[in-house]
Every structure is written in structure tokens, then in C-alpha cells.
Protein backbone atom coordinates (compact mmCIF):
# COMPACT_ATOMS: atom_id res chain seq x y z
CA MET A 1 0.00 0.00 0.00
CA VAL A 2 1.41 3.42 -1.01
CA PHE A 3 0.17 6.48 0.83
CA GLN A 4 2.39 9.46 0.14
CA GLU A 5 2.56 12.62 -1.92
CA ARG A 6 6.36 13.03 -2.14
CA LEU A 7 9.56 10.99 -2.13
CA TYR A 8 11.29 10.31 1.18
CA THR A 9 14.98 10.15 2.03
CA ALA A 10 16.37 7.33 4.17
CA GLU A 11 16.63 9.73 7.13
CA GLU A 12 12.99 10.82 6.76
CA PHE A 13 11.95 7.19 6.44
CA TYR A 14 13.81 6.32 9.65
CA GLU A 15 11.92 9.10 11.47
CA PHE A 16 8.64 7.94 9.92
CA VAL A 17 8.93 4.29 11.00
CA ASN A 18 9.93 5.32 14.52
CA ARG A 19 6.83 7.42 15.14
CA PRO A 20 4.67 5.99 17.95
CA GLU A 21 1.70 5.46 15.62
CA ASN A 22 3.85 3.23 13.36
CA LYS A 23 5.41 1.04 16.05
CA ASP A 24 3.33 -2.05 15.19
CA LYS A 25 3.54 -1.67 11.41
CA TRP A 26 6.19 -2.74 8.92
CA TYR A 27 7.36 -0.41 6.17
CA GLU A 28 9.95 -0.51 3.42
CA LEU A 29 11.37 2.30 1.27
CA TYR A 30 12.04 1.76 -2.42
CA ARG A 31 13.28 4.61 -4.61
CA GLY A 32 11.82 7.15 -2.16
CA VAL A 33 8.37 5.56 -1.94
CA ILE A 34 7.15 4.11 1.37
CA TYR A 35 5.35 0.78 1.18
CA GLU A 36 3.56 -0.91 4.04
CA ALA A 37 4.67 -4.54 4.33
CA ILE A 38 1.87 -6.98 5.06
CA MET A 39 2.26 -9.40 7.98
CA PRO A 40 3.41 -12.76 6.63
CA SER A 41 1.25 -15.86 6.44
CA PRO A 42 1.97 -18.79 8.76
CA ILE A 43 3.82 -20.78 6.06
CA HIS A 44 5.88 -17.71 5.18
CA ALA A 45 6.80 -17.23 8.85
CA ILE A 46 7.66 -20.92 9.32
CA ILE A 47 9.93 -20.97 6.24
CA SER A 48 11.59 -17.73 7.32
CA LEU A 49 12.26 -19.06 10.81
CA LEU A 50 13.59 -22.38 9.51
CA ILE A 51 16.03 -20.68 7.12
CA ALA A 52 17.12 -18.19 9.79
CA LYS A 53 17.71 -20.98 12.31
CA VAL A 54 19.78 -23.14 9.95
CA ILE A 55 21.90 -20.17 8.86
CA SER A 56 22.22 -18.92 12.44
CA ASP A 57 23.38 -22.32 13.69
CA PHE A 58 26.08 -22.39 11.00
CA VAL A 59 27.14 -18.77 11.56
CA THR A 60 27.28 -19.23 15.35
CA LYS A 61 29.30 -22.44 15.08
CA TYR A 62 31.99 -20.67 13.05
CA ASN A 63 31.60 -17.17 14.59
CA LEU A 64 31.01 -15.63 11.15
CA GLY A 65 28.77 -12.67 11.90
CA HIS A 66 25.16 -11.73 12.45
CA VAL A 67 21.89 -13.33 11.31
CA VAL A 68 18.59 -11.47 11.63
CA GLY A 69 15.00 -12.41 10.91
CA ASP A 70 12.25 -10.36 9.37
CA VAL A 71 12.01 -7.61 11.96
CA CYS A 72 15.12 -5.62 11.09
CA HIS A 73 15.49 -2.83 8.54
CA PHE A 74 18.53 -2.62 6.29
CA TYR A 75 19.24 0.97 5.22
CA LEU A 76 21.00 0.45 1.89
CA PRO A 77 23.60 2.89 0.49
CA ASN A 78 21.30 3.74 -2.45
CA GLY A 79 18.60 5.03 -0.07
CA ASP A 80 16.33 1.97 -0.23
CA THR A 81 15.31 0.33 3.03
CA PHE A 82 14.13 -3.28 3.19
CA ILE A 83 13.18 -5.88 5.78
CA PRO A 84 14.59 -9.14 4.41
CA ASP A 85 12.93 -12.30 5.70
CA THR A 86 16.37 -13.49 6.78
CA ALA A 87 19.74 -11.79 6.37
CA PHE A 88 23.39 -12.45 7.14
CA VAL A 89 26.11 -9.84 7.63
CA SER A 90 29.70 -11.00 8.03
CA LYS A 91 31.79 -9.99 11.01
CA GLU A 92 34.39 -8.71 8.56
CA ARG A 93 31.96 -6.07 7.33
CA GLN A 94 30.16 -5.43 10.63
CA PRO A 95 32.27 -6.54 13.63
CA THR A 96 29.67 -5.50 16.23
CA ILE A 97 25.90 -5.29 16.29
CA PRO A 98 25.03 -1.74 15.25
CA PRO A 99 22.07 0.39 16.39
CA LYS A 100 20.81 -0.04 12.81
CA PHE A 101 22.18 -1.77 9.73
CA GLU A 102 23.34 0.89 7.27
CA LEU A 103 24.68 -1.50 4.66
CA ALA A 104 23.45 -4.26 2.41
CA PRO A 105 23.50 -7.76 3.89
CA ASP A 106 25.97 -10.27 2.47
CA LEU A 107 23.05 -12.69 2.06
CA ALA A 108 19.39 -11.70 1.84
CA VAL A 109 16.45 -14.12 1.80
CA GLU A 110 13.07 -13.00 0.48
CA ILE A 111 10.01 -15.24 0.68
CA VAL A 112 7.35 -14.46 -1.90
CA SER A 113 3.82 -13.97 -0.60
CA PRO A 114 0.57 -13.52 -2.50
CA SER A 115 0.54 -9.91 -1.23
CA ASN A 116 3.80 -9.02 -3.02
CA ARG A 117 3.18 -6.42 -5.71
CA PRO A 118 4.31 -7.13 -9.28
CA HIS A 119 8.07 -6.76 -9.77
CA GLU A 120 8.59 -6.10 -6.03
CA ILE A 121 10.92 -9.03 -5.56
CA LEU A 122 12.98 -8.26 -8.67
CA ASP A 123 13.24 -4.61 -7.55
CA LYS A 124 14.58 -5.78 -4.19
CA VAL A 125 17.03 -8.24 -5.76
CA GLU A 126 18.40 -5.54 -8.06
CA SER A 127 18.70 -3.05 -5.20
CA TYR A 128 20.42 -5.52 -2.86
CA ILE A 129 22.96 -6.52 -5.50
CA GLU A 130 23.51 -2.91 -6.60
CA CYS A 131 24.44 -2.14 -2.97
CA GLY A 132 26.84 -5.06 -2.51
CA THR A 133 24.78 -8.09 -1.50
CA LYS A 134 26.58 -11.14 -2.85
CA LEU A 135 23.75 -13.66 -2.64
CA VAL A 136 19.94 -13.36 -2.65
CA TRP A 137 17.67 -16.36 -2.20
CA VAL A 138 14.08 -15.83 -3.34
CA VAL A 139 11.81 -18.55 -2.00
CA TYR A 140 8.52 -19.40 -3.74
CA PRO A 141 6.43 -21.49 -1.29
CA ASP A 142 3.59 -22.20 -3.76
CA ASP A 143 5.94 -23.53 -6.44
CA LYS A 144 8.46 -25.04 -4.00
CA VAL A 145 11.42 -23.49 -5.80
CA VAL A 146 14.17 -21.06 -4.86
CA ASP A 147 15.78 -18.56 -7.21
CA VAL A 148 19.42 -17.90 -6.38
CA TRP A 149 20.61 -14.46 -7.46
CA SER A 150 24.20 -13.23 -7.49
CA PRO A 151 26.08 -10.33 -9.08
CA VAL A 152 27.93 -10.71 -12.36
CA GLU A 153 31.17 -9.00 -13.20
CA GLY A 154 30.56 -5.72 -14.95
CA GLY A 155 27.16 -5.16 -13.31
CA GLY A 156 23.79 -6.85 -13.27
CA GLN A 157 22.86 -10.17 -11.78
CA ARG A 158 22.31 -13.77 -12.74
CA LYS A 159 19.60 -16.15 -11.60
CA ARG A 160 19.61 -19.89 -11.08
CA LYS A 161 16.45 -21.79 -10.21
CA LEU A 162 16.57 -24.68 -7.73
CA ASP A 163 13.68 -27.10 -7.49
CA ILE A 164 12.80 -29.40 -4.61
CA ASN A 165 15.81 -31.61 -5.42
CA GLY A 166 18.32 -28.73 -5.35
CA VAL A 167 20.68 -27.67 -2.59
CA LEU A 168 21.26 -24.08 -1.50
CA ASP A 169 24.98 -23.38 -1.23
CA GLY A 170 26.53 -20.59 0.83
CA GLU A 171 29.08 -20.10 -1.98
CA ASP A 172 31.77 -17.56 -1.00
CA VAL A 173 29.37 -15.82 1.42
CA LEU A 174 29.05 -18.81 3.78
CA PRO A 175 31.62 -21.33 2.54
CA GLY A 176 30.63 -24.89 3.42
CA PHE A 177 26.99 -24.05 4.14
CA LYS A 178 24.41 -26.33 2.48
CA LEU A 179 20.63 -26.47 2.81
CA PRO A 180 18.53 -28.92 0.77
CA VAL A 181 15.59 -27.09 -0.80
CA ARG A 182 13.37 -30.03 0.17
CA GLN A 183 14.04 -29.25 3.86
CA ILE A 184 12.61 -25.74 3.43
CA PHE A 185 9.26 -27.09 2.27
CA GLU A 186 8.93 -30.22 4.45
CA GLN A 187 6.25 -28.70 6.68
CA GLN A 188 4.06 -27.90 3.65
CA SER A 189 3.63 -31.58 2.76
């Protein structure tokens, strides 16, 4: 839902979301436009939690950085602000937990819901990668597939589609990390 008459800066957006009347609402900022994010469905929340837990267990075991779920804004260098469903930031890039994340995550996970507006996910993928995210996993619960996005040399991004038999790989973001796609969707069966 869009409800504004002008474009907002990241600073104005930060003030907006921290107003008392907005404390129980979720908002994102894309190219200066504020969008209200709809509360996720149960399956969306379960998938998000499962992915966050598996990544968090791996990251904690090797002391690699910070994993957050879908309640944390990322204020990207291009001015966009998103709430990824799960995100990882390496300790190399962010040694301590900041008051707010003012960088792109190394890994962002977005779970597609029926409420997502057309092109919203692709807009987010492009923005994340433009700002330095190395890996974006877009999960489609209805189709039981995951699109894996990564930057390509010279700009842009590439996409690989993994079906139920595929395995998510942490690549150079989380070397050694593996998550079978089937495991993500087990509770839907």
C-alpha cells in the first residue's frame, strides 16, 4: 500500500517508522516511496524461521557474523530500506551489532507472498545486488522453488532456479553451508 505525496529520504523514512503510531507496522522504502509490508502468512513465517535458524546455527558455530530475521530494517547505500525475511552480515563487514544496519546484507532471503506487488521481488534483488549483497535467495512457497541471485562481473545479476531436489549453497558468502531445498518445504507436505 502506497500512501504518500512526495519521495522520502532514508533519514525521513527512519523518522517515519519510529513514530509511535507506526510502532506495530512494517514499512519498506524503495526509490523514495514508502510501502507498508503486510504481515506474513503462517507458512511464510515458518519458512523464514527455519532458514534463519539453519543459517544462524552455521554462523554461530563458526563465529562468522550476524543473522537477523524479518524484523530488522537494512538501510542500503542507495537510499532503499528493506526488511529481508532473513539476512546475514559477516563480522568482517560489521564486527559488532550496530544500532541499525546501514549496509546491504551479504546474504538476503526474500520469501514471496501472495501480497507481493508485481516486480517487487525483482526490484529488491536488483537493489540488494547494486548495494553489494553477494547472494539473494528468493523462496517461492507455492511452487516449492528457490531462485538464487548473485552479481555478475561488470554489473547486473544472474539467476539460477533450484527445485525441490536442489541444494542451497553458501558459496563464498558462507563457505561450506548447504541447505537442501526439500528441507525448506517439508512442513508444507
